[in-house]
């Protein structure tokens, strides 16, 4: 449930911008950019995020939430290979998101993009695998279906994002469709875990 901090941080850091910030044209990572300059270099997009440290800290905290949350809630999924694979994918996604915070887009774009790829690809794929693993559990079919649909939606959005198909949402909008399913899923699963008392 603590993944909600990721959305709060974006709103707070965005509010400190003195230049226009667009949800459709700016990347989430622009909020963590450590300099005030055109980004990408040579573009007409000017990035200046005075509270970038808070956003990068939020990325790191989200990654840690995924790592610790996965460890704490592993028994919420039926044991077996699917659970092991799903949790491993989720852990790699968490590590990737930590990398996004440690290596802002303008500091080390290669490691930043690698971390983001872990979030977009492995995180969404992990939701699908864990959703399938959860299906046999009694009374968990709705959460299972939500996990699978969320993961597939994130994967499709990722494919559209990397192939420059934005469906009218803009590059920033499509990036958010790819990135948001995982933290939203974390919050939904956390609430479900508490309400149904499946915490170990």
C-alpha atoms as a PDB file:
ATOM      1  CA  UNK A   1       0.000   0.000   0.000  1.00  0.00           C
ATOM      2  CA  UNK A   2       2.971   2.301   0.573  1.00  0.00           C
ATOM      3  CA  UNK A   3       3.438   2.416  -3.209  1.00  0.00           C
ATOM      4  CA  UNK A   4       1.014   5.339  -3.124  1.00  0.00           C
ATOM      5  CA  UNK A   5       4.042   7.480  -2.220  1.00  0.00           C
ATOM      6  CA  UNK A   6       5.159   7.147  -5.858  1.00  0.00           C
ATOM      7  CA  UNK A   7       2.113   9.059  -7.087  1.00  0.00           C
ATOM      8  CA  UNK A   8       2.230  11.597  -4.272  1.00  0.00           C
ATOM      9  CA  UNK A   9       5.905  12.305  -4.993  1.00  0.00           C
ATOM     10  CA  UNK A  10       5.171  12.962  -8.658  1.00  0.00           C
ATOM     11  CA  UNK A  11       2.454  15.479  -7.832  1.00  0.00           C
ATOM     12  CA  UNK A  12       4.610  17.253  -5.248  1.00  0.00           C
ATOM     13  CA  UNK A  13       7.776  17.402  -7.369  1.00  0.00           C
ATOM     14  CA  UNK A  14       5.792  18.490 -10.420  1.00  0.00           C
ATOM     15  CA  UNK A  15       4.338  21.390  -8.415  1.00  0.00           C
ATOM     16  CA  UNK A  16       7.836  22.836  -7.959  1.00  0.00           C
ATOM     17  CA  UNK A  17       8.415  23.237 -11.694  1.00  0.00           C
ATOM     18  CA  UNK A  18       8.561  26.841 -12.853  1.00  0.00           C
ATOM     19  CA  UNK A  19       8.267  25.756 -16.503  1.00  0.00           C
ATOM     20  CA  UNK A  20       5.239  23.897 -17.911  1.00  0.00           C
ATOM     21  CA  UNK A  21       5.077  20.173 -17.134  1.00  0.00           C
ATOM     22  CA  UNK A  22       3.007  17.991 -19.435  1.00  0.00           C
ATOM     23  CA  UNK A  23       1.706  14.540 -18.547  1.00  0.00           C
ATOM     24  CA  UNK A  24       1.537  13.770 -22.258  1.00  0.00           C
ATOM     25  CA  UNK A  25       4.916  15.148 -23.348  1.00  0.00           C
ATOM     26  CA  UNK A  26       7.205  14.834 -20.310  1.00  0.00           C
ATOM     27  CA  UNK A  27       8.633  11.565 -19.064  1.00  0.00           C
ATOM     28  CA  UNK A  28       8.160  10.560 -15.430  1.00  0.00           C
ATOM     29  CA  UNK A  29      11.950  10.542 -15.225  1.00  0.00           C
ATOM     30  CA  UNK A  30      12.051  14.238 -16.153  1.00  0.00           C
ATOM     31  CA  UNK A  31      10.979  14.830 -12.553  1.00  0.00           C
ATOM     32  CA  UNK A  32      14.261  13.246 -11.429  1.00  0.00           C
ATOM     33  CA  UNK A  33      16.477  15.054 -13.958  1.00  0.00           C
ATOM     34  CA  UNK A  34      19.243  16.793 -12.008  1.00  0.00           C
ATOM     35  CA  UNK A  35      19.961  19.737 -14.331  1.00  0.00           C
ATOM     36  CA  UNK A  36      18.032  22.569 -15.945  1.00  0.00           C
ATOM     37  CA  UNK A  37      18.596  22.185 -19.673  1.00  0.00           C
ATOM     38  CA  UNK A  38      17.016  20.872 -22.871  1.00  0.00           C
ATOM     39  CA  UNK A  39      16.418  17.112 -22.581  1.00  0.00           C
ATOM     40  CA  UNK A  40      17.059  15.045 -24.587  1.00  0.00           C
ATOM     41  CA  UNK A  41      20.060  17.088 -25.708  1.00  0.00           C
ATOM     42  CA  UNK A  42      19.258  19.120 -28.773  1.00  0.00           C
ATOM     43  CA  UNK A  43      15.503  18.921 -28.259  1.00  0.00           C
ATOM     44  CA  UNK A  44      13.096  21.799 -27.711  1.00  0.00           C
ATOM     45  CA  UNK A  45      11.912  20.232 -24.434  1.00  0.00           C
ATOM     46  CA  UNK A  46      13.338  22.158 -21.467  1.00  0.00           C
ATOM     47  CA  UNK A  47      13.583  20.165 -18.238  1.00  0.00           C
ATOM     48  CA  UNK A  48      14.068  21.787 -14.842  1.00  0.00           C
ATOM     49  CA  UNK A  49      13.038  19.885 -11.708  1.00  0.00           C
ATOM     50  CA  UNK A  50      14.113  21.747  -8.545  1.00  0.00           C
ATOM     51  CA  UNK A  51      12.985  18.926  -6.271  1.00  0.00           C
ATOM     52  CA  UNK A  52      14.549  16.144  -8.347  1.00  0.00           C
ATOM     53  CA  UNK A  53      16.142  14.550  -5.266  1.00  0.00           C
ATOM     54  CA  UNK A  54      12.683  13.782  -3.861  1.00  0.00           C
ATOM     55  CA  UNK A  55      11.616  12.054  -7.071  1.00  0.00           C
ATOM     56  CA  UNK A  56      14.762   9.973  -7.269  1.00  0.00           C
ATOM     57  CA  UNK A  57      14.306   9.022  -3.620  1.00  0.00           C
ATOM     58  CA  UNK A  58      10.726   7.997  -4.458  1.00  0.00           C
ATOM     59  CA  UNK A  59      11.972   5.685  -7.223  1.00  0.00           C
ATOM     60  CA  UNK A  60      14.370   4.038  -4.771  1.00  0.00           C
ATOM     61  CA  UNK A  61      11.694   3.695  -2.093  1.00  0.00           C
ATOM     62  CA  UNK A  62       9.296   2.125  -4.615  1.00  0.00           C
ATOM     63  CA  UNK A  63      11.942  -0.420  -5.565  1.00  0.00           C
ATOM     64  CA  UNK A  64      12.529  -1.277  -1.905  1.00  0.00           C
ATOM     65  CA  UNK A  65       8.779  -1.581  -1.334  1.00  0.00           C
ATOM     66  CA  UNK A  66       8.616  -4.136  -4.149  1.00  0.00           C
ATOM     67  CA  UNK A  67      11.568  -6.136  -2.794  1.00  0.00           C
ATOM     68  CA  UNK A  68      10.375  -6.229   0.815  1.00  0.00           C
ATOM     69  CA  UNK A  69       6.706  -6.551  -0.120  1.00  0.00           C
ATOM     70  CA  UNK A  70       7.417  -9.530  -2.348  1.00  0.00           C
ATOM     71  CA  UNK A  71       9.341 -11.233   0.436  1.00  0.00           C
ATOM     72  CA  UNK A  72       6.619 -10.573   3.019  1.00  0.00           C
ATOM     73  CA  UNK A  73       3.731 -11.638   0.792  1.00  0.00           C
ATOM     74  CA  UNK A  74       5.283 -14.660  -0.900  1.00  0.00           C
ATOM     75  CA  UNK A  75       3.004 -17.009   1.068  1.00  0.00           C
ATOM     76  CA  UNK A  76      -0.059 -15.241  -0.390  1.00  0.00           C
ATOM     77  CA  UNK A  77       0.595 -17.165  -3.599  1.00  0.00           C
ATOM     78  CA  UNK A  78       0.324 -20.951  -3.975  1.00  0.00           C
ATOM     79  CA  UNK A  79       3.784 -22.513  -3.817  1.00  0.00           C
ATOM     80  CA  UNK A  80       5.359 -23.740  -7.018  1.00  0.00           C
ATOM     81  CA  UNK A  81       7.403 -22.712 -10.020  1.00  0.00           C
ATOM     82  CA  UNK A  82       5.025 -19.953 -11.116  1.00  0.00           C
ATOM     83  CA  UNK A  83       5.286 -18.240  -7.742  1.00  0.00           C
ATOM     84  CA  UNK A  84       9.072 -18.491  -7.803  1.00  0.00           C
ATOM     85  CA  UNK A  85       9.318 -17.091 -11.332  1.00  0.00           C
ATOM     86  CA  UNK A  86       6.777 -14.335 -10.682  1.00  0.00           C
ATOM     87  CA  UNK A  87       8.467 -13.162  -7.489  1.00  0.00           C
ATOM     88  CA  UNK A  88      11.881 -13.279  -9.184  1.00  0.00           C
ATOM     89  CA  UNK A  89      10.580 -11.074 -12.003  1.00  0.00           C
ATOM     90  CA  UNK A  90       9.094  -8.700  -9.459  1.00  0.00           C
ATOM     91  CA  UNK A  91      12.384  -8.559  -7.555  1.00  0.00           C
ATOM     92  CA  UNK A  92      14.294  -7.731 -10.742  1.00  0.00           C
ATOM     93  CA  UNK A  93      11.751  -5.019 -11.513  1.00  0.00           C
ATOM     94  CA  UNK A  94      12.250  -3.606  -8.020  1.00  0.00           C
ATOM     95  CA  UNK A  95      16.007  -3.573  -8.517  1.00  0.00           C
ATOM     96  CA  UNK A  96      15.479  -1.850 -11.861  1.00  0.00           C
ATOM     97  CA  UNK A  97      13.370   0.893 -10.285  1.00  0.00           C
ATOM     98  CA  UNK A  98      16.067   1.447  -7.667  1.00  0.00           C
ATOM     99  CA  UNK A  99      18.482   1.855 -10.582  1.00  0.00           C
ATOM    100  CA  UNK A 100      16.198   4.473 -12.120  1.00  0.00           C
ATOM    101  CA  UNK A 101      16.511   6.513  -8.921  1.00  0.00           C
ATOM    102  CA  UNK A 102      20.245   5.998  -8.526  1.00  0.00           C
ATOM    103  CA  UNK A 103      21.007   6.876 -12.152  1.00  0.00           C
ATOM    104  CA  UNK A 104      18.847   9.819 -13.307  1.00  0.00           C
ATOM    105  CA  UNK A 105      18.173  10.050 -17.039  1.00  0.00           C
ATOM    106  CA  UNK A 106      20.713  12.832 -17.590  1.00  0.00           C
ATOM    107  CA  UNK A 107      23.453  11.229 -15.461  1.00  0.00           C
ATOM    108  CA  UNK A 108      23.655   7.727 -16.936  1.00  0.00           C
ATOM    109  CA  UNK A 109      21.042   7.169 -19.610  1.00  0.00           C
ATOM    110  CA  UNK A 110      22.149   3.577 -20.297  1.00  0.00           C
ATOM    111  CA  UNK A 111      21.682   2.316 -16.733  1.00  0.00           C
ATOM    112  CA  UNK A 112      18.591   4.487 -16.332  1.00  0.00           C
ATOM    113  CA  UNK A 113      16.935   2.931 -19.375  1.00  0.00           C
ATOM    114  CA  UNK A 114      17.991  -0.548 -18.307  1.00  0.00           C
ATOM    115  CA  UNK A 115      16.309  -0.004 -14.946  1.00  0.00           C
ATOM    116  CA  UNK A 116      13.187   1.397 -16.603  1.00  0.00           C
ATOM    117  CA  UNK A 117      13.070  -1.630 -18.912  1.00  0.00           C
ATOM    118  CA  UNK A 118      13.111  -3.857 -15.836  1.00  0.00           C
ATOM    119  CA  UNK A 119      10.084  -1.974 -14.520  1.00  0.00           C
ATOM    120  CA  UNK A 120       8.141  -1.924 -17.789  1.00  0.00           C
ATOM    121  CA  UNK A 121       8.915  -5.429 -19.027  1.00  0.00           C
ATOM    122  CA  UNK A 122       9.774  -7.599 -16.031  1.00  0.00           C
ATOM    123  CA  UNK A 123       7.368  -5.887 -13.635  1.00  0.00           C
ATOM    124  CA  UNK A 124       4.371  -6.243 -15.941  1.00  0.00           C
ATOM    125  CA  UNK A 125       5.369  -9.783 -16.879  1.00  0.00           C
ATOM    126  CA  UNK A 126       5.720 -10.623 -13.188  1.00  0.00           C
ATOM    127  CA  UNK A 127       2.136  -9.511 -12.577  1.00  0.00           C
ATOM    128  CA  UNK A 128       0.919 -11.843 -15.320  1.00  0.00           C
ATOM    129  CA  UNK A 129       2.851 -14.813 -13.934  1.00  0.00           C
ATOM    130  CA  UNK A 130       1.747 -14.147 -10.349  1.00  0.00           C
ATOM    131  CA  UNK A 131      -1.832 -13.714 -11.531  1.00  0.00           C
ATOM    132  CA  UNK A 132      -1.714 -17.130 -13.163  1.00  0.00           C
ATOM    133  CA  UNK A 133      -0.129 -18.588 -10.038  1.00  0.00           C
ATOM    134  CA  UNK A 134      -2.907 -17.098  -7.918  1.00  0.00           C
ATOM    135  CA  UNK A 135      -5.792 -18.486  -9.996  1.00  0.00           C
ATOM    136  CA  UNK A 136      -6.098 -21.857  -8.199  1.00  0.00           C
ATOM    137  CA  UNK A 137      -6.331 -20.168  -4.781  1.00  0.00           C
ATOM    138  CA  UNK A 138      -9.859 -20.257  -3.414  1.00  0.00           C
ATOM    139  CA  UNK A 139     -11.654 -16.924  -3.623  1.00  0.00           C
ATOM    140  CA  UNK A 140      -8.731 -15.198  -5.351  1.00  0.00           C
ATOM    141  CA  UNK A 141      -9.928 -15.341  -8.961  1.00  0.00           C
ATOM    142  CA  UNK A 142     -10.888 -11.661  -9.147  1.00  0.00           C
ATOM    143  CA  UNK A 143      -7.461 -10.564  -7.914  1.00  0.00           C
ATOM    144  CA  UNK A 144      -5.878 -13.119 -10.234  1.00  0.00           C
ATOM    145  CA  UNK A 145      -7.753 -11.755 -13.246  1.00  0.00           C
ATOM    146  CA  UNK A 146      -6.894  -8.179 -12.268  1.00  0.00           C
ATOM    147  CA  UNK A 147      -3.206  -9.108 -12.038  1.00  0.00           C
ATOM    148  CA  UNK A 148      -3.187 -10.761 -15.451  1.00  0.00           C
ATOM    149  CA  UNK A 149      -5.108  -7.966 -17.176  1.00  0.00           C
ATOM    150  CA  UNK A 150      -2.950  -5.262 -15.565  1.00  0.00           C
ATOM    151  CA  UNK A 151       0.258  -6.985 -16.595  1.00  0.00           C
ATOM    152  CA  UNK A 152      -0.903  -7.536 -20.172  1.00  0.00           C
ATOM    153  CA  UNK A 153      -2.063  -3.916 -20.434  1.00  0.00           C
ATOM    154  CA  UNK A 154       1.334  -2.746 -19.196  1.00  0.00           C
ATOM    155  CA  UNK A 155       3.173  -4.993 -21.649  1.00  0.00           C
ATOM    156  CA  UNK A 156       1.058  -3.808 -24.586  1.00  0.00           C
ATOM    157  CA  UNK A 157       1.636  -0.184 -23.574  1.00  0.00           C
ATOM    158  CA  UNK A 158       5.366  -0.872 -23.330  1.00  0.00           C
ATOM    159  CA  UNK A 159       5.385  -2.323 -26.844  1.00  0.00           C
ATOM    160  CA  UNK A 160       3.501   0.719 -28.162  1.00  0.00           C
ATOM    161  CA  UNK A 161       5.812   3.076 -26.268  1.00  0.00           C
ATOM    162  CA  UNK A 162       9.060   1.640 -27.617  1.00  0.00           C
ATOM    163  CA  UNK A 163       7.686   1.529 -31.177  1.00  0.00           C
ATOM    164  CA  UNK A 164       6.575   5.187 -31.034  1.00  0.00           C
ATOM    165  CA  UNK A 165       2.842   4.472 -31.197  1.00  0.00           C
ATOM    166  CA  UNK A 166       1.194   6.750 -28.657  1.00  0.00           C
ATOM    167  CA  UNK A 167      -2.498   6.503 -29.688  1.00  0.00           C
ATOM    168  CA  UNK A 168      -3.018  10.207 -29.078  1.00  0.00           C
ATOM    169  CA  UNK A 169      -1.707  10.033 -25.503  1.00  0.00           C
ATOM    170  CA  UNK A 170       1.687  11.503 -26.318  1.00  0.00           C
ATOM    171  CA  UNK A 171       5.009   9.960 -25.406  1.00  0.00           C
ATOM    172  CA  UNK A 172       4.577  10.798 -21.712  1.00  0.00           C
ATOM    173  CA  UNK A 173       1.026   9.511 -21.608  1.00  0.00           C
ATOM    174  CA  UNK A 174       1.914   6.151 -23.133  1.00  0.00           C
ATOM    175  CA  UNK A 175       4.914   5.837 -20.818  1.00  0.00           C
ATOM    176  CA  UNK A 176       2.559   6.249 -17.864  1.00  0.00           C
ATOM    177  CA  UNK A 177       0.198   3.582 -19.197  1.00  0.00           C
ATOM    178  CA  UNK A 178       3.216   1.260 -19.284  1.00  0.00           C
ATOM    179  CA  UNK A 179       4.611   2.317 -15.891  1.00  0.00           C
ATOM    180  CA  UNK A 180       1.550   2.746 -13.683  1.00  0.00           C
ATOM    181  CA  UNK A 181       0.038  -0.778 -13.693  1.00  0.00           C
ATOM    182  CA  UNK A 182       2.753  -2.110 -11.358  1.00  0.00           C
ATOM    183  CA  UNK A 183       2.516   0.472  -8.532  1.00  0.00           C
ATOM    184  CA  UNK A 184      -1.283   0.425  -8.818  1.00  0.00           C
ATOM    185  CA  UNK A 185      -1.235  -3.371  -8.584  1.00  0.00           C
ATOM    186  CA  UNK A 186       0.982  -3.170  -5.510  1.00  0.00           C
ATOM    187  CA  UNK A 187      -1.551  -0.914  -3.814  1.00  0.00           C
ATOM    188  CA  UNK A 188      -4.529  -3.093  -4.769  1.00  0.00           C
ATOM    189  CA  UNK A 189      -2.762  -6.258  -3.666  1.00  0.00           C
ATOM    190  CA  UNK A 190      -1.702  -4.624  -0.407  1.00  0.00           C
ATOM    191  CA  UNK A 191      -5.247  -3.560   0.404  1.00  0.00           C
ATOM    192  CA  UNK A 192      -6.508  -7.043  -0.485  1.00  0.00           C
ATOM    193  CA  UNK A 193      -3.845  -8.662   1.674  1.00  0.00           C
ATOM    194  CA  UNK A 194      -4.824  -6.598   4.692  1.00  0.00           C
ATOM    195  CA  UNK A 195      -8.584  -6.886   4.200  1.00  0.00           C
ATOM    196  CA  UNK A 196      -8.484 -10.675   3.737  1.00  0.00           C
ATOM    197  CA  UNK A 197      -5.759 -11.196   6.318  1.00  0.00           C
ATOM    198  CA  UNK A 198      -3.479 -13.183   4.048  1.00  0.00           C
ATOM    199  CA  UNK A 199      -0.406 -11.563   5.540  1.00  0.00           C
ATOM    200  CA  UNK A 200       2.007 -14.165   6.920  1.00  0.00           C
END
